Structures are given as C-alpha cells and as structure tokens.
Amino acid sequence: YLTQEMGFTNVSRLAGGIIAYDRTLNDNAPEEEPMFKGTNYVFDGRVGRQITDDALGECMTCEAKTNLISNCKNGNCHKRMVQ
C-alpha cells in the first residue's frame, strides 16, 4: 500500500513484524527507547496491541488524546474507532 498507493520508495519491513520487534525489545533491551510509538493496529480480535503508553490518536467523541481502538457496537456500522 505504501509503495503502490502512496508513492513511498524507501519502505522496509521489520523481520517478524512490529509484534516481534516489541517482544525482542522488551526481552533484550527494556530500557531502550522504542522506535515505534503508541498502539499497533492488528487484524484480529485484539484490534490493537499497545507498544508504548503514548496516546497518539484523538477520541472521536471528546477529542482527548487516546490510544484505545475499538469496533462500533452497532451491527449496521461496526467501523473501527479511536475512542
């Protein structure tokens, strides 16, 4: 998506993905400042995995800074929301 749709050319992948990066960082260098901040969006029941406590999103209801991601409970909508 980043290269095909958005035109970025300098794109790399983390070996094992961001979740493996988070586990490795926590196991091997817990005092090291992570390069990834906030919550990582995942495509399963977890919806998001918190990597750091940084609140980078904005609640769509009250506009407060947040890192919470959820699905709308309305069965007709069911969109992902930052709230």
C-alpha atoms as a PDB file:
ATOM      1  CA  TYR A   1       0.000   0.000   0.000  1.00  0.00           C
ATOM      2  CA  LEU A   2       2.710   2.488   0.933  1.00  0.00           C
ATOM      3  CA  THR A   3       4.602   1.985  -2.308  1.00  0.00           C
ATOM      4  CA  GLN A   4       1.714   1.299  -4.689  1.00  0.00           C
ATOM      5  CA  GLU A   5      -0.915   3.744  -3.413  1.00  0.00           C
ATOM      6  CA  MET A   6       1.046   6.434  -1.587  1.00  0.00           C
ATOM      7  CA  GLY A   7       4.209   6.545  -3.686  1.00  0.00           C
ATOM      8  CA  PHE A   8       6.751   5.942  -0.908  1.00  0.00           C
ATOM      9  CA  THR A   9      10.016   4.442  -2.195  1.00  0.00           C
ATOM     10  CA  ASN A  10      12.096   3.888   0.956  1.00  0.00           C
ATOM     11  CA  VAL A  11       9.932   1.271   2.719  1.00  0.00           C
ATOM     12  CA  SER A  12      11.275  -1.658   4.733  1.00  0.00           C
ATOM     13  CA  ARG A  13       9.734  -4.445   6.793  1.00  0.00           C
ATOM     14  CA  LEU A  14      10.729  -5.466  10.275  1.00  0.00           C
ATOM     15  CA  ALA A  15      11.734  -9.132  10.466  1.00  0.00           C
ATOM     16  CA  GLY A  16       8.783 -10.813  12.180  1.00  0.00           C
ATOM     17  CA  GLY A  17       6.763  -7.580  12.214  1.00  0.00           C
ATOM     18  CA  ILE A  18       6.180  -4.964  14.883  1.00  0.00           C
ATOM     19  CA  ILE A  19       4.971  -7.548  17.408  1.00  0.00           C
ATOM     20  CA  ALA A  20       8.257  -9.484  17.174  1.00  0.00           C
ATOM     21  CA  TYR A  21      10.126  -6.170  17.448  1.00  0.00           C
ATOM     22  CA  ASP A  22       8.178  -5.324  20.618  1.00  0.00           C
ATOM     23  CA  ARG A  23       8.868  -8.740  22.181  1.00  0.00           C
ATOM     24  CA  THR A  24      12.564  -8.556  21.304  1.00  0.00           C
ATOM     25  CA  LEU A  25      12.885  -5.042  22.674  1.00  0.00           C
ATOM     26  CA  ASN A  26      11.142  -5.955  25.945  1.00  0.00           C
ATOM     27  CA  ASP A  27      13.191  -9.144  26.379  1.00  0.00           C
ATOM     28  CA  ASN A  28      16.624  -7.850  25.336  1.00  0.00           C
ATOM     29  CA  ALA A  29      16.681  -4.100  25.947  1.00  0.00           C
ATOM     30  CA  PRO A  30      13.761  -2.937  28.105  1.00  0.00           C
ATOM     31  CA  GLU A  31      15.498   0.377  28.886  1.00  0.00           C
ATOM     32  CA  GLU A  32      15.970   1.223  25.188  1.00  0.00           C
ATOM     33  CA  GLU A  33      13.647   3.858  23.702  1.00  0.00           C
ATOM     34  CA  PRO A  34      11.348   2.098  21.175  1.00  0.00           C
ATOM     35  CA  MET A  35      11.267   3.413  17.617  1.00  0.00           C
ATOM     36  CA  PHE A  36       7.567   2.532  17.315  1.00  0.00           C
ATOM     37  CA  LYS A  37       5.198   4.602  19.483  1.00  0.00           C
ATOM     38  CA  GLY A  38       1.599   4.069  20.508  1.00  0.00           C
ATOM     39  CA  THR A  39      -0.711   1.200  19.632  1.00  0.00           C
ATOM     40  CA  ASN A  40      -0.154  -1.140  16.707  1.00  0.00           C
ATOM     41  CA  TYR A  41      -3.352  -1.906  14.759  1.00  0.00           C
ATOM     42  CA  VAL A  42      -3.806  -5.669  14.291  1.00  0.00           C
ATOM     43  CA  PHE A  43      -6.310  -7.572  12.155  1.00  0.00           C
ATOM     44  CA  ASP A  44      -7.678  -9.965  14.770  1.00  0.00           C
ATOM     45  CA  GLY A  45      -9.797  -9.862  17.924  1.00  0.00           C
ATOM     46  CA  ARG A  46      -7.239  -7.778  19.783  1.00  0.00           C
ATOM     47  CA  VAL A  47      -7.799  -4.837  17.367  1.00  0.00           C
ATOM     48  CA  GLY A  48      -4.697  -3.126  18.761  1.00  0.00           C
ATOM     49  CA  ARG A  49      -1.572  -4.083  20.664  1.00  0.00           C
ATOM     50  CA  GLN A  50      -0.165  -1.347  22.871  1.00  0.00           C
ATOM     51  CA  ILE A  51       3.569  -0.912  22.267  1.00  0.00           C
ATOM     52  CA  THR A  52       4.115   2.250  24.359  1.00  0.00           C
ATOM     53  CA  ASP A  53       1.902   4.405  26.576  1.00  0.00           C
ATOM     54  CA  ASP A  54       1.999   7.261  24.033  1.00  0.00           C
ATOM     55  CA  ALA A  55      -1.529   8.426  23.167  1.00  0.00           C
ATOM     56  CA  LEU A  56      -1.228   9.415  19.511  1.00  0.00           C
ATOM     57  CA  GLY A  57      -4.876   9.201  18.497  1.00  0.00           C
ATOM     58  CA  GLU A  58      -7.754  11.528  19.218  1.00  0.00           C
ATOM     59  CA  CYS A  59     -11.098  10.353  20.590  1.00  0.00           C
ATOM     60  CA  MET A  60     -13.840  10.870  18.029  1.00  0.00           C
ATOM     61  CA  THR A  61     -16.282  11.731  20.834  1.00  0.00           C
ATOM     62  CA  CYS A  62     -14.440  14.108  23.176  1.00  0.00           C
ATOM     63  CA  GLU A  63     -11.222  14.834  21.183  1.00  0.00           C
ATOM     64  CA  ALA A  64      -8.992  13.790  24.105  1.00  0.00           C
ATOM     65  CA  LYS A  65      -5.654  12.098  23.298  1.00  0.00           C
ATOM     66  CA  THR A  66      -6.041   8.312  23.419  1.00  0.00           C
ATOM     67  CA  ASN A  67      -4.513   5.027  22.276  1.00  0.00           C
ATOM     68  CA  LEU A  68      -7.728   2.970  22.504  1.00  0.00           C
ATOM     69  CA  ILE A  69      -9.105   1.342  19.354  1.00  0.00           C
ATOM     70  CA  SER A  70     -12.477  -0.441  19.239  1.00  0.00           C
ATOM     71  CA  ASN A  71     -15.237  -1.552  16.888  1.00  0.00           C
ATOM     72  CA  CYS A  72     -18.538   0.294  16.805  1.00  0.00           C
ATOM     73  CA  LYS A  73     -21.091  -1.894  18.639  1.00  0.00           C
ATOM     74  CA  ASN A  74     -23.833  -1.047  16.143  1.00  0.00           C
ATOM     75  CA  GLY A  75     -24.169  -4.121  13.911  1.00  0.00           C
ATOM     76  CA  ASN A  76     -25.042  -1.936  10.907  1.00  0.00           C
ATOM     77  CA  CYS A  77     -21.867   0.105  11.300  1.00  0.00           C
ATOM     78  CA  HIS A  78     -19.117  -1.943  13.004  1.00  0.00           C
ATOM     79  CA  LYS A  79     -16.410   0.557  11.940  1.00  0.00           C
ATOM     80  CA  ARG A  80     -13.093   0.814  13.757  1.00  0.00           C
ATOM     81  CA  MET A  81     -12.967   3.811  16.059  1.00  0.00           C
ATOM     82  CA  VAL A  82     -10.335   5.577  18.084  1.00  0.00           C
ATOM     83  CA  GLN A  83     -12.010   6.264  21.408  1.00  0.00           C
END
